[in-house]
Amino acid sequence: MQTKSILVRLPAPLKKQLDALRGKGVTANGLIRHLLKQHFNPIPRAQKGR
């Protein structure tokens, strides 16, 4: 899979929270990738009926 780079600007308080997660081993790229996957691949809903 070929990847593309993007630039994301964050407000200072949000960046501070993101930096705090680095101590737990979470990277900004990893977190953003995870959130985008969640957003674009929602869990399918169960079918109603039969």
N, C-alpha and C. Protein backbone atom coordinates (compact mmCIF):
# COMPACT_ATOMS: atom_id res chain seq x y z
N MET A 1 0.84 -1.17 0.00
CA MET A 1 0.00 0.00 0.00
C MET A 1 0.89 1.24 0.00
N GLN A 2 0.61 2.13 -0.90
CA GLN A 2 1.36 3.38 -0.98
C GLN A 2 0.74 4.38 0.00
N THR A 3 1.58 5.10 0.72
CA THR A 3 1.07 6.07 1.69
C THR A 3 1.36 7.49 1.24
N LYS A 4 0.56 8.42 1.73
CA LYS A 4 0.72 9.84 1.46
C LYS A 4 0.86 10.56 2.79
N SER A 5 1.58 11.65 2.80
CA SER A 5 1.75 12.45 4.00
C SER A 5 0.72 13.57 4.04
N ILE A 6 0.30 13.92 5.27
CA ILE A 6 -0.58 15.06 5.45
C ILE A 6 -0.05 15.89 6.61
N LEU A 7 -0.44 17.14 6.64
CA LEU A 7 -0.05 18.04 7.71
C LEU A 7 -1.31 18.41 8.47
N VAL A 8 -1.30 18.22 9.79
CA VAL A 8 -2.46 18.51 10.61
C VAL A 8 -2.08 19.55 11.66
N ARG A 9 -2.82 20.63 11.70
CA ARG A 9 -2.58 21.67 12.71
C ARG A 9 -3.53 21.42 13.88
N LEU A 10 -2.97 21.52 15.11
CA LEU A 10 -3.75 21.27 16.31
C LEU A 10 -3.68 22.48 17.24
N PRO A 11 -4.75 22.73 17.99
CA PRO A 11 -4.67 23.77 19.02
C PRO A 11 -3.68 23.33 20.10
N ALA A 12 -3.06 24.29 20.75
CA ALA A 12 -2.03 23.99 21.76
C ALA A 12 -2.51 23.03 22.86
N PRO A 13 -3.73 23.21 23.42
CA PRO A 13 -4.17 22.27 24.47
C PRO A 13 -4.29 20.82 23.98
N LEU A 14 -4.75 20.65 22.74
CA LEU A 14 -4.87 19.31 22.17
C LEU A 14 -3.49 18.69 21.94
N LYS A 15 -2.56 19.49 21.47
CA LYS A 15 -1.18 19.01 21.26
C LYS A 15 -0.56 18.59 22.58
N LYS A 16 -0.87 19.33 23.64
CA LYS A 16 -0.33 19.00 24.97
C LYS A 16 -0.85 17.63 25.42
N GLN A 17 -2.14 17.36 25.17
CA GLN A 17 -2.72 16.06 25.52
C GLN A 17 -2.08 14.95 24.70
N LEU A 18 -1.85 15.22 23.44
CA LEU A 18 -1.23 14.24 22.56
C LEU A 18 0.19 13.93 23.01
N ASP A 19 0.93 14.97 23.41
CA ASP A 19 2.28 14.76 23.90
C ASP A 19 2.29 13.93 25.19
N ALA A 20 1.28 14.09 26.02
CA ALA A 20 1.19 13.30 27.25
C ALA A 20 1.03 11.81 26.95
N LEU A 21 0.37 11.49 25.85
CA LEU A 21 0.19 10.08 25.47
C LEU A 21 1.49 9.43 25.00
N ARG A 22 2.44 10.23 24.57
CA ARG A 22 3.73 9.66 24.11
C ARG A 22 4.39 8.87 25.21
N GLY A 23 4.22 9.31 26.45
CA GLY A 23 4.78 8.59 27.59
C GLY A 23 4.20 7.20 27.73
N LYS A 24 3.02 6.98 27.17
CA LYS A 24 2.37 5.67 27.22
C LYS A 24 2.64 4.86 25.95
N GLY A 25 3.49 5.40 25.06
CA GLY A 25 3.84 4.67 23.85
C GLY A 25 2.95 4.94 22.66
N VAL A 26 2.08 5.94 22.76
CA VAL A 26 1.17 6.27 21.66
C VAL A 26 1.81 7.37 20.81
N THR A 27 1.89 7.14 19.51
CA THR A 27 2.43 8.17 18.62
C THR A 27 1.27 8.94 17.98
N ALA A 28 1.53 10.16 17.58
CA ALA A 28 0.51 10.97 16.92
C ALA A 28 0.04 10.27 15.65
N ASN A 29 0.97 9.78 14.85
CA ASN A 29 0.60 9.10 13.60
C ASN A 29 -0.26 7.87 13.87
N GLY A 30 0.13 7.08 14.85
CA GLY A 30 -0.62 5.88 15.17
C GLY A 30 -2.03 6.18 15.65
N LEU A 31 -2.16 7.21 16.50
CA LEU A 31 -3.47 7.58 17.00
C LEU A 31 -4.36 8.11 15.88
N ILE A 32 -3.83 8.96 15.04
CA ILE A 32 -4.62 9.51 13.93
C ILE A 32 -5.03 8.41 12.96
N ARG A 33 -4.12 7.49 12.64
CA ARG A 33 -4.45 6.37 11.76
C ARG A 33 -5.58 5.53 12.36
N HIS A 34 -5.47 5.25 13.65
CA HIS A 34 -6.49 4.45 14.35
C HIS A 34 -7.85 5.15 14.30
N LEU A 35 -7.88 6.45 14.59
CA LEU A 35 -9.14 7.19 14.59
C LEU A 35 -9.76 7.25 13.19
N LEU A 36 -8.93 7.42 12.17
CA LEU A 36 -9.45 7.46 10.80
C LEU A 36 -10.02 6.11 10.39
N LYS A 37 -9.35 5.02 10.77
CA LYS A 37 -9.88 3.69 10.46
C LYS A 37 -11.22 3.47 11.13
N GLN A 38 -11.34 3.89 12.40
CA GLN A 38 -12.61 3.77 13.11
C GLN A 38 -13.71 4.56 12.41
N HIS A 39 -13.38 5.75 11.98
CA HIS A 39 -14.37 6.63 11.36
C HIS A 39 -14.84 6.09 10.01
N PHE A 40 -13.93 5.61 9.20
CA PHE A 40 -14.28 5.18 7.86
C PHE A 40 -14.70 3.72 7.75
N ASN A 41 -14.49 2.93 8.78
CA ASN A 41 -14.88 1.53 8.78
C ASN A 41 -15.75 1.24 10.00
N PRO A 42 -16.97 1.81 10.05
CA PRO A 42 -17.82 1.58 11.23
C PRO A 42 -18.26 0.13 11.31
N ILE A 43 -18.62 -0.28 12.50
CA ILE A 43 -19.09 -1.64 12.74
C ILE A 43 -20.46 -1.80 12.07
N PRO A 44 -20.62 -2.83 11.23
CA PRO A 44 -21.92 -3.02 10.56
C PRO A 44 -23.02 -3.30 11.58
N ARG A 45 -24.20 -2.76 11.33
CA ARG A 45 -25.33 -2.97 12.22
C ARG A 45 -25.97 -4.33 11.93
N ALA A 46 -26.51 -4.93 12.95
CA ALA A 46 -27.21 -6.22 12.79
C ALA A 46 -28.49 -6.00 11.99
N GLN A 47 -28.84 -6.98 11.17
CA GLN A 47 -30.06 -6.87 10.38
C GLN A 47 -31.26 -7.15 11.26
N LYS A 48 -32.32 -6.41 11.03
CA LYS A 48 -33.57 -6.63 11.75
C LYS A 48 -34.41 -7.63 10.97
N GLY A 49 -35.29 -8.30 11.69
CA GLY A 49 -36.20 -9.22 11.00
C GLY A 49 -35.84 -10.66 11.25
N ARG A 50 -36.04 -11.44 10.26
CA ARG A 50 -35.87 -12.89 10.32
C ARG A 50 -34.79 -13.29 11.22
